Amino acid sequence: MKRFVLIGGSLFAAMVAVAASIPYTFMPGTTIKSAEVNANFQTLQAGSDAQASTLQALQTSTGAHESRLQVLEAAFAAKPADQLVCVLWPFWAVDGTAFPCVQASSPNTTQSLSMPQILAAGWISVSTGGSDPRTIMTFRK
């Protein structure tokens, strides 16, 4: 959806720029010269050609991004994310205070980990919860 909004917005901006640069404006009751009409059409054609070129470049770029996204999705699907859930009560600290944590891949084992140990192991916080937002913290690798 975002891709279509981006492409549509880009094309609209290009159309406005072309419309603003049309060399001749005709008023009712005035004589129109074919060279002026042709100049307006040539300007519109040049703008249309530029838009087609821009659209082709966007489609090529989007295709490359989609290919990379498919590779990432396949890699993510092949390796399920592990989770680490820690209870940070009675306080949240970044010093050496250890907290009880449970890892999804080993749900029957409680680990005692400090925040520096958690971060050093490569865990990234993805959510917090509990009655106090700092009470329970969920991490993923």
C-alpha atoms as a PDB file:
ATOM      1  CA  MET A   1       0.000   0.000   0.000  1.00  0.00           C
ATOM      2  CA  LYS A   2       2.777   2.422   0.902  1.00  0.00           C
ATOM      3  CA  ARG A   3       4.471   1.694  -2.410  1.00  0.00           C
ATOM      4  CA  PHE A   4       1.378   2.738  -4.362  1.00  0.00           C
ATOM      5  CA  VAL A   5       0.964   5.918  -2.321  1.00  0.00           C
ATOM      6  CA  LEU A   6       4.632   6.773  -2.906  1.00  0.00           C
ATOM      7  CA  ILE A   7       4.425   6.134  -6.657  1.00  0.00           C
ATOM      8  CA  GLY A   8       1.080   7.931  -6.972  1.00  0.00           C
ATOM      9  CA  GLY A   9       2.375  10.921  -5.014  1.00  0.00           C
ATOM     10  CA  SER A  10       5.516  11.087  -7.155  1.00  0.00           C
ATOM     11  CA  LEU A  11       3.528  10.949 -10.383  1.00  0.00           C
ATOM     12  CA  PHE A  12       1.070  13.583  -9.152  1.00  0.00           C
ATOM     13  CA  ALA A  13       3.943  15.932  -8.265  1.00  0.00           C
ATOM     14  CA  ALA A  14       5.470  15.407 -11.708  1.00  0.00           C
ATOM     15  CA  MET A  15       2.116  16.093 -13.411  1.00  0.00           C
ATOM     16  CA  VAL A  16       1.678  19.332 -11.455  1.00  0.00           C
ATOM     17  CA  ALA A  17       5.199  20.421 -12.428  1.00  0.00           C
ATOM     18  CA  VAL A  18       4.490  19.735 -16.119  1.00  0.00           C
ATOM     19  CA  ALA A  19       1.096  21.486 -16.003  1.00  0.00           C
ATOM     20  CA  ALA A  20       2.700  24.541 -14.413  1.00  0.00           C
ATOM     21  CA  SER A  21       5.256  24.761 -17.223  1.00  0.00           C
ATOM     22  CA  ILE A  22       2.901  24.579 -20.243  1.00  0.00           C
ATOM     23  CA  PRO A  23       4.052  27.511 -22.387  1.00  0.00           C
ATOM     24  CA  TYR A  24       0.731  28.775 -23.749  1.00  0.00           C
ATOM     25  CA  THR A  25      -2.625  29.455 -22.127  1.00  0.00           C
ATOM     26  CA  PHE A  26      -5.617  30.011 -24.355  1.00  0.00           C
ATOM     27  CA  MET A  27      -8.568  32.261 -23.547  1.00  0.00           C
ATOM     28  CA  PRO A  28     -12.033  32.176 -25.138  1.00  0.00           C
ATOM     29  CA  GLY A  29     -12.325  34.464 -28.155  1.00  0.00           C
ATOM     30  CA  THR A  30      -8.601  34.548 -28.992  1.00  0.00           C
ATOM     31  CA  THR A  31      -6.933  33.142 -32.051  1.00  0.00           C
ATOM     32  CA  ILE A  32      -4.940  30.004 -31.444  1.00  0.00           C
ATOM     33  CA  LYS A  33      -1.832  29.232 -33.489  1.00  0.00           C
ATOM     34  CA  SER A  34      -1.125  25.630 -34.305  1.00  0.00           C
ATOM     35  CA  ALA A  35       2.545  26.094 -33.320  1.00  0.00           C
ATOM     36  CA  GLU A  36       1.434  27.134 -29.794  1.00  0.00           C
ATOM     37  CA  VAL A  37      -0.926  24.157 -29.491  1.00  0.00           C
ATOM     38  CA  ASN A  38       1.850  21.867 -30.732  1.00  0.00           C
ATOM     39  CA  ALA A  39       4.273  23.409 -28.216  1.00  0.00           C
ATOM     40  CA  ASN A  40       1.819  22.652 -25.413  1.00  0.00           C
ATOM     41  CA  PHE A  41       1.452  19.054 -26.622  1.00  0.00           C
ATOM     42  CA  GLN A  42       5.231  18.667 -26.908  1.00  0.00           C
ATOM     43  CA  THR A  43       5.594  19.888 -23.318  1.00  0.00           C
ATOM     44  CA  LEU A  44       2.958  17.405 -22.160  1.00  0.00           C
ATOM     45  CA  GLN A  45       4.641  14.599 -24.130  1.00  0.00           C
ATOM     46  CA  ALA A  46       8.035  15.410 -22.604  1.00  0.00           C
ATOM     47  CA  GLY A  47       6.465  15.384 -19.139  1.00  0.00           C
ATOM     48  CA  SER A  48       4.722  12.096 -19.855  1.00  0.00           C
ATOM     49  CA  ASP A  49       7.995  10.571 -21.075  1.00  0.00           C
ATOM     50  CA  ALA A  50       9.739  11.758 -17.902  1.00  0.00           C
ATOM     51  CA  GLN A  51       6.956  10.254 -15.777  1.00  0.00           C
ATOM     52  CA  ALA A  52       7.229   6.950 -17.624  1.00  0.00           C
ATOM     53  CA  SER A  53      10.970   6.925 -16.997  1.00  0.00           C
ATOM     54  CA  THR A  54      10.450   7.749 -13.311  1.00  0.00           C
ATOM     55  CA  LEU A  55       7.803   5.043 -12.997  1.00  0.00           C
ATOM     56  CA  GLN A  56      10.115   2.473 -14.610  1.00  0.00           C
ATOM     57  CA  ALA A  57      12.907   3.396 -12.191  1.00  0.00           C
ATOM     58  CA  LEU A  58      10.509   3.110  -9.222  1.00  0.00           C
ATOM     59  CA  GLN A  59       9.252  -0.273 -10.430  1.00  0.00           C
ATOM     60  CA  THR A  60      12.818  -1.536 -10.797  1.00  0.00           C
ATOM     61  CA  SER A  61      13.724  -0.268  -7.343  1.00  0.00           C
ATOM     62  CA  THR A  62      10.574  -1.749  -5.818  1.00  0.00           C
ATOM     63  CA  GLY A  63      11.331  -5.114  -7.426  1.00  0.00           C
ATOM     64  CA  ALA A  64      14.821  -5.100  -5.917  1.00  0.00           C
ATOM     65  CA  HIS A  65      13.414  -4.248  -2.475  1.00  0.00           C
ATOM     66  CA  GLU A  66      10.787  -6.986  -2.784  1.00  0.00           C
ATOM     67  CA  SER A  67      13.510  -9.520  -3.621  1.00  0.00           C
ATOM     68  CA  ARG A  68      15.522  -8.532  -0.546  1.00  0.00           C
ATOM     69  CA  LEU A  69      12.386  -8.637   1.592  1.00  0.00           C
ATOM     70  CA  GLN A  70      11.608 -12.173   0.412  1.00  0.00           C
ATOM     71  CA  VAL A  71      15.127 -13.284   1.370  1.00  0.00           C
ATOM     72  CA  LEU A  72      14.738 -11.737   4.834  1.00  0.00           C
ATOM     73  CA  GLU A  73      11.287 -13.262   5.323  1.00  0.00           C
ATOM     74  CA  ALA A  74      12.599 -16.702   4.354  1.00  0.00           C
ATOM     75  CA  ALA A  75      15.534 -16.352   6.760  1.00  0.00           C
ATOM     76  CA  PHE A  76      13.224 -15.226   9.556  1.00  0.00           C
ATOM     77  CA  ALA A  77      10.777 -18.068   8.926  1.00  0.00           C
ATOM     78  CA  ALA A  78      13.604 -20.609   8.966  1.00  0.00           C
ATOM     79  CA  LYS A  79      14.805 -19.475  12.397  1.00  0.00           C
ATOM     80  CA  PRO A  80      12.047 -18.924  14.932  1.00  0.00           C
ATOM     81  CA  ALA A  81      12.742 -16.074  17.298  1.00  0.00           C
ATOM     82  CA  ASP A  82      13.574 -17.015  20.855  1.00  0.00           C
ATOM     83  CA  GLN A  83      12.248 -14.888  23.682  1.00  0.00           C
ATOM     84  CA  LEU A  84      13.561 -13.968  27.082  1.00  0.00           C
ATOM     85  CA  VAL A  85      11.095 -12.706  29.686  1.00  0.00           C
ATOM     86  CA  CYS A  86      12.463 -11.039  32.815  1.00  0.00           C
ATOM     87  CA  VAL A  87      10.711  -9.807  35.945  1.00  0.00           C
ATOM     88  CA  LEU A  88      12.318  -6.477  36.834  1.00  0.00           C
ATOM     89  CA  TRP A  89      10.598  -6.016  40.156  1.00  0.00           C
ATOM     90  CA  PRO A  90      11.052  -4.324  42.668  1.00  0.00           C
ATOM     91  CA  PHE A  91      13.093  -1.933  40.556  1.00  0.00           C
ATOM     92  CA  TRP A  92      14.555  -1.565  37.095  1.00  0.00           C
ATOM     93  CA  ALA A  93      18.318  -1.136  37.097  1.00  0.00           C
ATOM     94  CA  VAL A  94      21.148  -1.061  34.586  1.00  0.00           C
ATOM     95  CA  ASP A  95      23.806  -1.894  37.172  1.00  0.00           C
ATOM     96  CA  GLY A  96      24.707  -5.430  38.178  1.00  0.00           C
ATOM     97  CA  THR A  97      21.329  -6.240  39.772  1.00  0.00           C
ATOM     98  CA  ALA A  98      20.198  -9.691  38.635  1.00  0.00           C
ATOM     99  CA  PHE A  99      16.597 -10.437  37.683  1.00  0.00           C
ATOM    100  CA  PRO A 100      14.787 -13.757  37.293  1.00  0.00           C
ATOM    101  CA  CYS A 101      14.379 -14.539  33.601  1.00  0.00           C
ATOM    102  CA  VAL A 102      12.816 -17.381  31.622  1.00  0.00           C
ATOM    103  CA  GLN A 103      13.848 -18.181  28.072  1.00  0.00           C
ATOM    104  CA  ALA A 104      11.207 -19.591  25.685  1.00  0.00           C
ATOM    105  CA  SER A 105      13.584 -22.256  24.393  1.00  0.00           C
ATOM    106  CA  SER A 106      14.076 -23.452  27.984  1.00  0.00           C
ATOM    107  CA  PRO A 107      10.796 -22.644  29.767  1.00  0.00           C
ATOM    108  CA  ASN A 108      11.418 -24.804  32.855  1.00  0.00           C
ATOM    109  CA  THR A 109      14.685 -23.099  33.794  1.00  0.00           C
ATOM    110  CA  THR A 110      14.896 -19.741  35.528  1.00  0.00           C
ATOM    111  CA  GLN A 111      18.050 -17.726  34.952  1.00  0.00           C
ATOM    112  CA  SER A 112      19.315 -14.896  37.089  1.00  0.00           C
ATOM    113  CA  LEU A 113      20.590 -12.205  34.690  1.00  0.00           C
ATOM    114  CA  SER A 114      21.612  -8.578  35.048  1.00  0.00           C
ATOM    115  CA  MET A 115      20.711  -5.973  32.454  1.00  0.00           C
ATOM    116  CA  PRO A 116      24.345  -5.742  31.224  1.00  0.00           C
ATOM    117  CA  GLN A 117      24.392  -9.545  30.805  1.00  0.00           C
ATOM    118  CA  ILE A 118      21.109  -9.500  28.891  1.00  0.00           C
ATOM    119  CA  LEU A 119      22.303  -6.780  26.510  1.00  0.00           C
ATOM    120  CA  ALA A 120      25.765  -8.318  26.098  1.00  0.00           C
ATOM    121  CA  ALA A 121      24.130 -11.592  25.044  1.00  0.00           C
ATOM    122  CA  GLY A 122      22.460  -9.768  22.156  1.00  0.00           C
ATOM    123  CA  TRP A 123      18.913  -9.577  23.494  1.00  0.00           C
ATOM    124  CA  ILE A 124      16.830  -6.609  22.336  1.00  0.00           C
ATOM    125  CA  SER A 125      13.846  -5.344  24.308  1.00  0.00           C
ATOM    126  CA  VAL A 126      10.600  -5.707  22.366  1.00  0.00           C
ATOM    127  CA  SER A 127       7.971  -4.995  25.019  1.00  0.00           C
ATOM    128  CA  THR A 128       7.313  -4.157  28.615  1.00  0.00           C
ATOM    129  CA  GLY A 129       4.277  -4.927  30.692  1.00  0.00           C
ATOM    130  CA  GLY A 130       2.802  -5.685  34.083  1.00  0.00           C
ATOM    131  CA  SER A 131       1.082  -3.330  36.510  1.00  0.00           C
ATOM    132  CA  ASP A 132       4.124  -1.051  36.266  1.00  0.00           C
ATOM    133  CA  PRO A 133       5.501  -0.741  32.676  1.00  0.00           C
ATOM    134  CA  ARG A 134       8.924  -1.670  34.015  1.00  0.00           C
ATOM    135  CA  THR A 135       7.750  -4.822  35.800  1.00  0.00           C
ATOM    136  CA  ILE A 136       8.080  -7.374  32.978  1.00  0.00           C
ATOM    137  CA  MET A 137      10.350  -6.985  29.973  1.00  0.00           C
ATOM    138  CA  THR A 138      10.406  -9.220  26.899  1.00  0.00           C
ATOM    139  CA  PHE A 139      13.535  -9.549  24.762  1.00  0.00           C
ATOM    140  CA  ARG A 140      14.263 -11.173  21.393  1.00  0.00           C
ATOM    141  CA  LYS A 141      17.445 -11.949  19.514  1.00  0.00           C
END
